Amino acid sequence: PSFDLCILGIGSDGHTASIFPHELDKLI
């Protein structure tokens, strides 16, 4: 699926979209 716009925040640990640094494998 392709959104027209995806708005994200960023946490002080560099996480975004509820993907946290300890779970980088979920990014792919």
mmCIF file of all heavy atoms, coordinates in Angstrom:
data_MODEL
# 
_entry.id   MODEL 
# 
loop_
_atom_site.group_PDB 
_atom_site.id 
_atom_site.type_symbol 
_atom_site.label_atom_id 
_atom_site.label_alt_id 
_atom_site.label_comp_id 
_atom_site.label_asym_id 
_atom_site.label_entity_id 
_atom_site.label_seq_id 
_atom_site.pdbx_PDB_ins_code 
_atom_site.Cartn_x 
_atom_site.Cartn_y 
_atom_site.Cartn_z 
_atom_site.occupancy 
_atom_site.B_iso_or_equiv 
_atom_site.pdbx_formal_charge 
_atom_site.auth_seq_id 
_atom_site.auth_comp_id 
_atom_site.auth_asym_id 
_atom_site.auth_atom_id 
_atom_site.pdbx_PDB_model_num 
ATOM 1   N N   . PRO A 1 1  ? 0.834  -1.201 0.000  1.00 0.00 ? 1  PRO A N   1 
ATOM 2   C CA  . PRO A 1 1  ? 0.000  0.000  0.000  1.00 0.00 ? 1  PRO A CA  1 
ATOM 3   C C   . PRO A 1 1  ? 0.872  1.256  0.000  1.00 0.00 ? 1  PRO A C   1 
ATOM 4   O O   . PRO A 1 1  ? 1.981  1.244  0.544  1.00 0.00 ? 1  PRO A O   1 
ATOM 5   C CB  . PRO A 1 1  ? -0.790 -0.118 1.310  1.00 0.00 ? 1  PRO A CB  1 
ATOM 6   C CG  . PRO A 1 1  ? -0.774 -1.581 1.629  1.00 0.00 ? 1  PRO A CG  1 
ATOM 7   C CD  . PRO A 1 1  ? 0.563  -2.074 1.136  1.00 0.00 ? 1  PRO A CD  1 
ATOM 8   N N   . SER A 1 2  ? 0.373  2.313  -0.612 1.00 0.00 ? 2  SER A N   1 
ATOM 9   C CA  . SER A 1 2  ? 1.139  3.559  -0.683 1.00 0.00 ? 2  SER A CA  1 
ATOM 10  C C   . SER A 1 2  ? 0.287  4.715  -0.167 1.00 0.00 ? 2  SER A C   1 
ATOM 11  O O   . SER A 1 2  ? -0.691 5.107  -0.790 1.00 0.00 ? 2  SER A O   1 
ATOM 12  C CB  . SER A 1 2  ? 1.576  3.841  -2.122 1.00 0.00 ? 2  SER A CB  1 
ATOM 13  O OG  . SER A 1 2  ? 2.300  5.042  -2.189 1.00 0.00 ? 2  SER A OG  1 
ATOM 14  N N   . PHE A 1 3  ? 0.674  5.241  0.991  1.00 0.00 ? 3  PHE A N   1 
ATOM 15  C CA  . PHE A 1 3  ? -0.013 6.412  1.544  1.00 0.00 ? 3  PHE A CA  1 
ATOM 16  C C   . PHE A 1 3  ? 0.375  7.662  0.767  1.00 0.00 ? 3  PHE A C   1 
ATOM 17  O O   . PHE A 1 3  ? 1.505  7.773  0.282  1.00 0.00 ? 3  PHE A O   1 
ATOM 18  C CB  . PHE A 1 3  ? 0.384  6.640  3.008  1.00 0.00 ? 3  PHE A CB  1 
ATOM 19  C CG  . PHE A 1 3  ? -0.080 5.577  3.956  1.00 0.00 ? 3  PHE A CG  1 
ATOM 20  C CD1 . PHE A 1 3  ? 0.839  4.799  4.637  1.00 0.00 ? 3  PHE A CD1 1 
ATOM 21  C CD2 . PHE A 1 3  ? -1.425 5.365  4.185  1.00 0.00 ? 3  PHE A CD2 1 
ATOM 22  C CE1 . PHE A 1 3  ? 0.429  3.828  5.535  1.00 0.00 ? 3  PHE A CE1 1 
ATOM 23  C CE2 . PHE A 1 3  ? -1.851 4.394  5.074  1.00 0.00 ? 3  PHE A CE2 1 
ATOM 24  C CZ  . PHE A 1 3  ? -0.916 3.628  5.757  1.00 0.00 ? 3  PHE A CZ  1 
ATOM 25  N N   . ASP A 1 4  ? -0.527 8.621  0.697  1.00 0.00 ? 4  ASP A N   1 
ATOM 26  C CA  . ASP A 1 4  ? -0.171 9.922  0.147  1.00 0.00 ? 4  ASP A CA  1 
ATOM 27  C C   . ASP A 1 4  ? 0.813  10.616 1.083  1.00 0.00 ? 4  ASP A C   1 
ATOM 28  O O   . ASP A 1 4  ? 1.767  11.241 0.635  1.00 0.00 ? 4  ASP A O   1 
ATOM 29  C CB  . ASP A 1 4  ? -1.409 10.803 -0.027 1.00 0.00 ? 4  ASP A CB  1 
ATOM 30  C CG  . ASP A 1 4  ? -2.346 10.301 -1.104 1.00 0.00 ? 4  ASP A CG  1 
ATOM 31  O OD1 . ASP A 1 4  ? -1.873 9.639  -2.053 1.00 0.00 ? 4  ASP A OD1 1 
ATOM 32  O OD2 . ASP A 1 4  ? -3.555 10.570 -1.008 1.00 0.00 ? 4  ASP A OD2 1 
ATOM 33  N N   . LEU A 1 5  ? 0.553  10.505 2.392  1.00 0.00 ? 5  LEU A N   1 
ATOM 34  C CA  . LEU A 1 5  ? 1.388  11.170 3.386  1.00 0.00 ? 5  LEU A CA  1 
ATOM 35  C C   . LEU A 1 5  ? 1.470  10.305 4.629  1.00 0.00 ? 5  LEU A C   1 
ATOM 36  O O   . LEU A 1 5  ? 0.468  9.791  5.112  1.00 0.00 ? 5  LEU A O   1 
ATOM 37  C CB  . LEU A 1 5  ? 0.773  12.530 3.763  1.00 0.00 ? 5  LEU A CB  1 
ATOM 38  C CG  . LEU A 1 5  ? 1.453  13.328 4.869  1.00 0.00 ? 5  LEU A CG  1 
ATOM 39  C CD1 . LEU A 1 5  ? 2.871  13.730 4.463  1.00 0.00 ? 5  LEU A CD1 1 
ATOM 40  C CD2 . LEU A 1 5  ? 0.624  14.562 5.213  1.00 0.00 ? 5  LEU A CD2 1 
ATOM 41  N N   . CYS A 1 6  ? 2.668  10.143 5.153  1.00 0.00 ? 6  CYS A N   1 
ATOM 42  C CA  . CYS A 1 6  ? 2.904  9.435  6.408  1.00 0.00 ? 6  CYS A CA  1 
ATOM 43  C C   . CYS A 1 6  ? 3.590  10.421 7.351  1.00 0.00 ? 6  CYS A C   1 
ATOM 44  O O   . CYS A 1 6  ? 4.670  10.925 7.036  1.00 0.00 ? 6  CYS A O   1 
ATOM 45  C CB  . CYS A 1 6  ? 3.775  8.202  6.169  1.00 0.00 ? 6  CYS A CB  1 
ATOM 46  S SG  . CYS A 1 6  ? 4.002  7.181  7.628  1.00 0.00 ? 6  CYS A SG  1 
ATOM 47  N N   . ILE A 1 7  ? 2.955  10.734 8.465  1.00 0.00 ? 7  ILE A N   1 
ATOM 48  C CA  . ILE A 1 7  ? 3.505  11.672 9.444  1.00 0.00 ? 7  ILE A CA  1 
ATOM 49  C C   . ILE A 1 7  ? 4.014  10.878 10.639 1.00 0.00 ? 7  ILE A C   1 
ATOM 50  O O   . ILE A 1 7  ? 3.274  10.112 11.249 1.00 0.00 ? 7  ILE A O   1 
ATOM 51  C CB  . ILE A 1 7  ? 2.440  12.687 9.901  1.00 0.00 ? 7  ILE A CB  1 
ATOM 52  C CG1 . ILE A 1 7  ? 1.882  13.451 8.700  1.00 0.00 ? 7  ILE A CG1 1 
ATOM 53  C CG2 . ILE A 1 7  ? 3.035  13.646 10.933 1.00 0.00 ? 7  ILE A CG2 1 
ATOM 54  C CD1 . ILE A 1 7  ? 0.693  14.330 9.029  1.00 0.00 ? 7  ILE A CD1 1 
ATOM 55  N N   . LEU A 1 8  ? 5.278  11.074 10.953 1.00 0.00 ? 8  LEU A N   1 
ATOM 56  C CA  . LEU A 1 8  ? 5.935  10.340 12.038 1.00 0.00 ? 8  LEU A CA  1 
ATOM 57  C C   . LEU A 1 8  ? 6.485  11.294 13.083 1.00 0.00 ? 8  LEU A C   1 
ATOM 58  O O   . LEU A 1 8  ? 6.808  12.444 12.775 1.00 0.00 ? 8  LEU A O   1 
ATOM 59  C CB  . LEU A 1 8  ? 7.109  9.523  11.480 1.00 0.00 ? 8  LEU A CB  1 
ATOM 60  C CG  . LEU A 1 8  ? 6.812  8.525  10.370 1.00 0.00 ? 8  LEU A CG  1 
ATOM 61  C CD1 . LEU A 1 8  ? 8.111  8.002  9.778  1.00 0.00 ? 8  LEU A CD1 1 
ATOM 62  C CD2 . LEU A 1 8  ? 5.954  7.395  10.897 1.00 0.00 ? 8  LEU A CD2 1 
ATOM 63  N N   . GLY A 1 9  ? 6.661  10.791 14.270 1.00 0.00 ? 9  GLY A N   1 
ATOM 64  C CA  . GLY A 1 9  ? 7.408  11.487 15.302 1.00 0.00 ? 9  GLY A CA  1 
ATOM 65  C C   . GLY A 1 9  ? 8.740  10.781 15.466 1.00 0.00 ? 9  GLY A C   1 
ATOM 66  O O   . GLY A 1 9  ? 9.035  9.793  14.787 1.00 0.00 ? 9  GLY A O   1 
ATOM 67  N N   . ILE A 1 10 ? 9.539  11.302 16.367 1.00 0.00 ? 10 ILE A N   1 
ATOM 68  C CA  . ILE A 1 10 ? 10.822 10.674 16.695 1.00 0.00 ? 10 ILE A CA  1 
ATOM 69  C C   . ILE A 1 10 ? 11.004 10.762 18.202 1.00 0.00 ? 10 ILE A C   1 
ATOM 70  O O   . ILE A 1 10 ? 10.716 11.795 18.808 1.00 0.00 ? 10 ILE A O   1 
ATOM 71  C CB  . ILE A 1 10 ? 12.000 11.334 15.937 1.00 0.00 ? 10 ILE A CB  1 
ATOM 72  C CG1 . ILE A 1 10 ? 13.322 10.644 16.274 1.00 0.00 ? 10 ILE A CG1 1 
ATOM 73  C CG2 . ILE A 1 10 ? 12.060 12.824 16.192 1.00 0.00 ? 10 ILE A CG2 1 
ATOM 74  C CD1 . ILE A 1 10 ? 14.505 11.110 15.437 1.00 0.00 ? 10 ILE A CD1 1 
ATOM 75  N N   . GLY A 1 11 ? 11.462 9.665  18.808 1.00 0.00 ? 11 GLY A N   1 
ATOM 76  C CA  . GLY A 1 11 ? 11.712 9.653  20.235 1.00 0.00 ? 11 GLY A CA  1 
ATOM 77  C C   . GLY A 1 11 ? 13.137 10.056 20.549 1.00 0.00 ? 11 GLY A C   1 
ATOM 78  O O   . GLY A 1 11 ? 14.010 10.084 19.670 1.00 0.00 ? 11 GLY A O   1 
ATOM 79  N N   . SER A 1 12 ? 13.399 10.344 21.803 1.00 0.00 ? 12 SER A N   1 
ATOM 80  C CA  . SER A 1 12 ? 14.747 10.757 22.208 1.00 0.00 ? 12 SER A CA  1 
ATOM 81  C C   . SER A 1 12 ? 15.760 9.625  22.074 1.00 0.00 ? 12 SER A C   1 
ATOM 82  O O   . SER A 1 12 ? 16.964 9.859  22.147 1.00 0.00 ? 12 SER A O   1 
ATOM 83  C CB  . SER A 1 12 ? 14.738 11.291 23.646 1.00 0.00 ? 12 SER A CB  1 
ATOM 84  O OG  . SER A 1 12 ? 14.239 10.302 24.522 1.00 0.00 ? 12 SER A OG  1 
ATOM 85  N N   . ASP A 1 13 ? 15.287 8.400  21.837 1.00 0.00 ? 13 ASP A N   1 
ATOM 86  C CA  . ASP A 1 13 ? 16.172 7.263  21.583 1.00 0.00 ? 13 ASP A CA  1 
ATOM 87  C C   . ASP A 1 13 ? 16.307 6.968  20.093 1.00 0.00 ? 13 ASP A C   1 
ATOM 88  O O   . ASP A 1 13 ? 16.938 5.996  19.697 1.00 0.00 ? 13 ASP A O   1 
ATOM 89  C CB  . ASP A 1 13 ? 15.674 6.016  22.315 1.00 0.00 ? 13 ASP A CB  1 
ATOM 90  C CG  . ASP A 1 13 ? 14.284 5.576  21.860 1.00 0.00 ? 13 ASP A CG  1 
ATOM 91  O OD1 . ASP A 1 13 ? 13.641 6.290  21.056 1.00 0.00 ? 13 ASP A OD1 1 
ATOM 92  O OD2 . ASP A 1 13 ? 13.828 4.507  22.322 1.00 0.00 ? 13 ASP A OD2 1 
ATOM 93  N N   . GLY A 1 14 ? 15.704 7.820  19.249 1.00 0.00 ? 14 GLY A N   1 
ATOM 94  C CA  . GLY A 1 14 ? 15.783 7.637  17.799 1.00 0.00 ? 14 GLY A CA  1 
ATOM 95  C C   . GLY A 1 14 ? 14.720 6.720  17.240 1.00 0.00 ? 14 GLY A C   1 
ATOM 96  O O   . GLY A 1 14 ? 14.722 6.425  16.053 1.00 0.00 ? 14 GLY A O   1 
ATOM 97  N N   . HIS A 1 15 ? 13.769 6.275  18.083 1.00 0.00 ? 15 HIS A N   1 
ATOM 98  C CA  . HIS A 1 15 ? 12.711 5.406  17.562 1.00 0.00 ? 15 HIS A CA  1 
ATOM 99  C C   . HIS A 1 15 ? 11.708 6.236  16.764 1.00 0.00 ? 15 HIS A C   1 
ATOM 100 O O   . HIS A 1 15 ? 11.592 7.441  16.934 1.00 0.00 ? 15 HIS A O   1 
ATOM 101 C CB  . HIS A 1 15 ? 12.028 4.617  18.684 1.00 0.00 ? 15 HIS A CB  1 
ATOM 102 C CG  . HIS A 1 15 ? 10.899 5.322  19.358 1.00 0.00 ? 15 HIS A CG  1 
ATOM 103 N ND1 . HIS A 1 15 ? 11.070 6.106  20.471 1.00 0.00 ? 15 HIS A ND1 1 
ATOM 104 C CD2 . HIS A 1 15 ? 9.571  5.336  19.077 1.00 0.00 ? 15 HIS A CD2 1 
ATOM 105 C CE1 . HIS A 1 15 ? 9.895  6.586  20.856 1.00 0.00 ? 15 HIS A CE1 1 
ATOM 106 N NE2 . HIS A 1 15 ? 8.966  6.145  20.021 1.00 0.00 ? 15 HIS A NE2 1 
ATOM 107 N N   . THR A 1 16 ? 11.021 5.559  15.882 1.00 0.00 ? 16 THR A N   1 
ATOM 108 C CA  . THR A 1 16 ? 9.926  6.165  15.136 1.00 0.00 ? 16 THR A CA  1 
ATOM 109 C C   . THR A 1 16 ? 8.923  5.073  14.831 1.00 0.00 ? 16 THR A C   1 
ATOM 110 O O   . THR A 1 16 ? 9.285  3.899  14.713 1.00 0.00 ? 16 THR A O   1 
ATOM 111 C CB  . THR A 1 16 ? 10.420 6.872  13.860 1.00 0.00 ? 16 THR A CB  1 
ATOM 112 O OG1 . THR A 1 16 ? 9.356  7.672  13.338 1.00 0.00 ? 16 THR A OG1 1 
ATOM 113 C CG2 . THR A 1 16 ? 10.916 5.902  12.806 1.00 0.00 ? 16 THR A CG2 1 
ATOM 114 N N   . ALA A 1 17 ? 7.669  5.448  14.717 1.00 0.00 ? 17 ALA A N   1 
ATOM 115 C CA  . ALA A 1 17 ? 6.600  4.512  14.350 1.00 0.00 ? 17 ALA A CA  1 
ATOM 116 C C   . ALA A 1 17 ? 6.593  3.259  15.223 1.00 0.00 ? 17 ALA A C   1 
ATOM 117 O O   . ALA A 1 17 ? 6.340  2.175  14.738 1.00 0.00 ? 17 ALA A O   1 
ATOM 118 C CB  . ALA A 1 17 ? 6.722  4.135  12.869 1.00 0.00 ? 17 ALA A CB  1 
ATOM 119 N N   . SER A 1 18 ? 6.912  3.398  16.488 1.00 0.00 ? 18 SER A N   1 
ATOM 120 C CA  . SER A 1 18 ? 6.964  2.266  17.430 1.00 0.00 ? 18 SER A CA  1 
ATOM 121 C C   . SER A 1 18 ? 7.951  1.186  17.023 1.00 0.00 ? 18 SER A C   1 
ATOM 122 O O   . SER A 1 18 ? 7.813  0.014  17.372 1.00 0.00 ? 18 SER A O   1 
ATOM 123 C CB  . SER A 1 18 ? 5.569  1.670  17.668 1.00 0.00 ? 18 SER A CB  1 
ATOM 124 O OG  . SER A 1 18 ? 4.763  2.617  18.344 1.00 0.00 ? 18 SER A OG  1 
ATOM 125 N N   . ILE A 1 19 ? 8.963  1.566  16.268 1.00 0.00 ? 19 ILE A N   1 
ATOM 126 C CA  . ILE A 1 19 ? 10.106 0.699  15.989 1.00 0.00 ? 19 ILE A CA  1 
ATOM 127 C C   . ILE A 1 19 ? 11.255 1.263  16.819 1.00 0.00 ? 19 ILE A C   1 
ATOM 128 O O   . ILE A 1 19 ? 11.687 2.398  16.604 1.00 0.00 ? 19 ILE A O   1 
ATOM 129 C CB  . ILE A 1 19 ? 10.488 0.682  14.497 1.00 0.00 ? 19 ILE A CB  1 
ATOM 130 C CG1 . ILE A 1 19 ? 9.323  0.203  13.638 1.00 0.00 ? 19 ILE A CG1 1 
ATOM 131 C CG2 . ILE A 1 19 ? 11.723 -0.171 14.279 1.00 0.00 ? 19 ILE A CG2 1 
ATOM 132 C CD1 . ILE A 1 19 ? 8.963  -1.258 13.761 1.00 0.00 ? 19 ILE A CD1 1 
ATOM 133 N N   . PHE A 1 20 ? 11.735 0.476  17.768 1.00 0.00 ? 20 PHE A N   1 
ATOM 134 C CA  . PHE A 1 20 ? 12.749 0.927  18.706 1.00 0.00 ? 20 PHE A CA  1 
ATOM 135 C C   . PHE A 1 20 ? 14.131 0.410  18.310 1.00 0.00 ? 20 PHE A C   1 
ATOM 136 O O   . PHE A 1 20 ? 14.241 -0.567 17.565 1.00 0.00 ? 20 PHE A O   1 
ATOM 137 C CB  . PHE A 1 20 ? 12.369 0.462  20.123 1.00 0.00 ? 20 PHE A CB  1 
ATOM 138 C CG  . PHE A 1 20 ? 11.112 1.111  20.614 1.00 0.00 ? 20 PHE A CG  1 
ATOM 139 C CD1 . PHE A 1 20 ? 9.873  0.530  20.355 1.00 0.00 ? 20 PHE A CD1 1 
ATOM 140 C CD2 . PHE A 1 20 ? 11.154 2.316  21.289 1.00 0.00 ? 20 PHE A CD2 1 
ATOM 141 C CE1 . PHE A 1 20 ? 8.696  1.138  20.784 1.00 0.00 ? 20 PHE A CE1 1 
ATOM 142 C CE2 . PHE A 1 20 ? 9.991  2.930  21.719 1.00 0.00 ? 20 PHE A CE2 1 
ATOM 143 C CZ  . PHE A 1 20 ? 8.761  2.340  21.468 1.00 0.00 ? 20 PHE A CZ  1 
ATOM 144 N N   . PRO A 1 21 ? 15.196 1.072  18.770 1.00 0.00 ? 21 PRO A N   1 
ATOM 145 C CA  . PRO A 1 21 ? 16.549 0.669  18.366 1.00 0.00 ? 21 PRO A CA  1 
ATOM 146 C C   . PRO A 1 21 ? 16.866 -0.811 18.565 1.00 0.00 ? 21 PRO A C   1 
ATOM 147 O O   . PRO A 1 21 ? 17.591 -1.390 17.760 1.00 0.00 ? 21 PRO A O   1 
ATOM 148 C CB  . PRO A 1 21 ? 17.450 1.555  19.227 1.00 0.00 ? 21 PRO A CB  1 
ATOM 149 C CG  . PRO A 1 21 ? 16.648 2.793  19.440 1.00 0.00 ? 21 PRO A CG  1 
ATOM 150 C CD  . PRO A 1 21 ? 15.231 2.295  19.599 1.00 0.00 ? 21 PRO A CD  1 
ATOM 151 N N   . HIS A 1 22 ? 16.313 -1.446 19.598 1.00 0.00 ? 22 HIS A N   1 
ATOM 152 C CA  . HIS A 1 22 ? 16.605 -2.866 19.836 1.00 0.00 ? 22 HIS A CA  1 
ATOM 153 C C   . HIS A 1 22 ? 15.869 -3.786 18.853 1.00 0.00 ? 22 HIS A C   1 
ATOM 154 O O   . HIS A 1 22 ? 16.068 -4.998 18.902 1.00 0.00 ? 22 HIS A O   1 
ATOM 155 C CB  . HIS A 1 22 ? 16.280 -3.245 21.285 1.00 0.00 ? 22 HIS A CB  1 
ATOM 156 C CG  . HIS A 1 22 ? 14.818 -3.321 21.602 1.00 0.00 ? 22 HIS A CG  1 
ATOM 157 N ND1 . HIS A 1 22 ? 14.049 -2.197 21.818 1.00 0.00 ? 22 HIS A ND1 1 
ATOM 158 C CD2 . HIS A 1 22 ? 13.989 -4.385 21.709 1.00 0.00 ? 22 HIS A CD2 1 
ATOM 159 C CE1 . HIS A 1 22 ? 12.805 -2.574 22.057 1.00 0.00 ? 22 HIS A CE1 1 
ATOM 160 N NE2 . HIS A 1 22 ? 12.741 -3.899 22.003 1.00 0.00 ? 22 HIS A NE2 1 
ATOM 161 N N   . GLU A 1 23 ? 15.054 -3.219 17.967 1.00 0.00 ? 23 GLU A N   1 
ATOM 162 C CA  . GLU A 1 23 ? 14.266 -4.027 17.031 1.00 0.00 ? 23 GLU A CA  1 
ATOM 163 C C   . GLU A 1 23 ? 14.490 -3.623 15.579 1.00 0.00 ? 23 GLU A C   1 
ATOM 164 O O   . GLU A 1 23 ? 13.566 -3.647 14.771 1.00 0.00 ? 23 GLU A O   1 
ATOM 165 C CB  . GLU A 1 23 ? 12.779 -3.909 17.360 1.00 0.00 ? 23 GLU A CB  1 
ATOM 166 C CG  . GLU A 1 23 ? 12.424 -4.402 18.730 1.00 0.00 ? 23 GLU A CG  1 
ATOM 167 C CD  . GLU A 1 23 ? 10.953 -4.280 19.033 1.00 0.00 ? 23 GLU A CD  1 
ATOM 168 O OE1 . GLU A 1 23 ? 10.401 -3.170 18.917 1.00 0.00 ? 23 GLU A OE1 1 
ATOM 169 O OE2 . GLU A 1 23 ? 10.356 -5.302 19.379 1.00 0.00 ? 23 GLU A OE2 1 
ATOM 170 N N   . LEU A 1 24 ? 15.708 -3.263 15.263 1.00 0.00 ? 24 LEU A N   1 
ATOM 171 C CA  . LEU A 1 24 ? 15.985 -2.812 13.893 1.00 0.00 ? 24 LEU A CA  1 
ATOM 172 C C   . LEU A 1 24 ? 15.614 -3.854 12.847 1.00 0.00 ? 24 LEU A C   1 
ATOM 173 O O   . LEU A 1 24 ? 15.309 -3.504 11.713 1.00 0.00 ? 24 LEU A O   1 
ATOM 174 C CB  . LEU A 1 24 ? 17.453 -2.421 13.744 1.00 0.00 ? 24 LEU A CB  1 
ATOM 175 C CG  . LEU A 1 24 ? 17.816 -1.053 14.298 1.00 0.00 ? 24 LEU A CG  1 
ATOM 176 C CD1 . LEU A 1 24 ? 19.325 -0.839 14.244 1.00 0.00 ? 24 LEU A CD1 1 
ATOM 177 C CD2 . LEU A 1 24 ? 17.105 0.057  13.565 1.00 0.00 ? 24 LEU A CD2 1 
ATOM 178 N N   . ASP A 1 25 ? 15.594 -5.133 13.212 1.00 0.00 ? 25 ASP A N   1 
ATOM 179 C CA  . ASP A 1 25 ? 15.221 -6.169 12.244 1.00 0.00 ? 25 ASP A CA  1 
ATOM 180 C C   . ASP A 1 25 ? 13.801 -5.983 11.739 1.00 0.00 ? 25 ASP A C   1 
ATOM 181 O O   . ASP A 1 25 ? 13.469 -6.380 10.626 1.00 0.00 ? 25 ASP A O   1 
ATOM 182 C CB  . ASP A 1 25 ? 15.383 -7.567 12.847 1.00 0.00 ? 25 ASP A CB  1 
ATOM 183 C CG  . ASP A 1 25 ? 14.494 -7.801 14.063 1.00 0.00 ? 25 ASP A CG  1 
ATOM 184 O OD1 . ASP A 1 25 ? 14.411 -6.914 14.930 1.00 0.00 ? 25 ASP A OD1 1 
ATOM 185 O OD2 . ASP A 1 25 ? 13.881 -8.879 14.127 1.00 0.00 ? 25 ASP A OD2 1 
ATOM 186 N N   . LYS A 1 26 ? 12.943 -5.348 12.536 1.00 0.00 ? 26 LYS A N   1 
ATOM 187 C CA  . LYS A 1 26 ? 11.559 -5.120 12.107 1.00 0.00 ? 26 LYS A CA  1 
ATOM 188 C C   . LYS A 1 26 ? 11.464 -4.031 11.044 1.00 0.00 ? 26 LYS A C   1 
ATOM 189 O O   . LYS A 1 26 ? 10.437 -3.877 10.409 1.00 0.00 ? 26 LYS A O   1 
ATOM 190 C CB  . LYS A 1 26 ? 10.688 -4.780 13.301 1.00 0.00 ? 26 LYS A CB  1 
ATOM 191 C CG  . LYS A 1 26 ? 10.496 -5.980 14.195 1.00 0.00 ? 26 LYS A CG  1 
ATOM 192 C CD  . LYS A 1 26 ? 9.495  -5.736 15.265 1.00 0.00 ? 26 LYS A CD  1 
ATOM 193 C CE  . LYS A 1 26 ? 9.310  -7.037 16.047 1.00 0.00 ? 26 LYS A CE  1 
ATOM 194 N NZ  . LYS A 1 26 ? 8.506  -6.876 17.211 1.00 0.00 ? 26 LYS A NZ  1 
ATOM 195 N N   . LEU A 1 27 ? 12.521 -3.316 10.858 1.00 0.00 ? 27 LEU A N   1 
ATOM 196 C CA  . LEU A 1 27 ? 12.511 -2.266 9.836  1.00 0.00 ? 27 LEU A CA  1 
ATOM 197 C C   . LEU A 1 27 ? 12.449 -2.843 8.428  1.00 0.00 ? 27 LEU A C   1 
ATOM 198 O O   . LEU A 1 27 ? 11.988 -2.190 7.516  1.00 0.00 ? 27 LEU A O   1 
ATOM 199 C CB  . LEU A 1 27 ? 13.767 -1.397 9.955  1.00 0.00 ? 27 LEU A CB  1 
ATOM 200 C CG  . LEU A 1 27 ? 13.839 -0.512 11.179 1.00 0.00 ? 27 LEU A CG  1 
ATOM 201 C CD1 . LEU A 1 27 ? 15.205 0.128  11.258 1.00 0.00 ? 27 LEU A CD1 1 
ATOM 202 C CD2 . LEU A 1 27 ? 12.762 0.542  11.140 1.00 0.00 ? 27 LEU A CD2 1 
ATOM 203 N N   . ILE A 1 28 ? 12.943 -4.039 8.250  1.00 0.00 ? 28 ILE A N   1 
ATOM 204 C CA  . ILE A 1 28 ? 13.057 -4.565 6.896  1.00 0.00 ? 28 ILE A CA  1 
ATOM 205 C C   . ILE A 1 28 ? 11.971 -5.581 6.548  1.00 0.00 ? 28 ILE A C   1 
ATOM 206 O O   . ILE A 1 28 ? 12.036 -6.218 5.517  1.00 0.00 ? 28 ILE A O   1 
ATOM 207 C CB  . ILE A 1 28 ? 14.446 -5.199 6.669  1.00 0.00 ? 28 ILE A CB  1 
ATOM 208 C CG1 . ILE A 1 28 ? 14.696 -6.324 7.673  1.00 0.00 ? 28 ILE A CG1 1 
ATOM 209 C CG2 . ILE A 1 28 ? 15.532 -4.139 6.751  1.00 0.00 ? 28 ILE A CG2 1 
ATOM 210 C CD1 . ILE A 1 28 ? 15.938 -7.140 7.390  1.00 0.00 ? 28 ILE A CD1 1 
# 
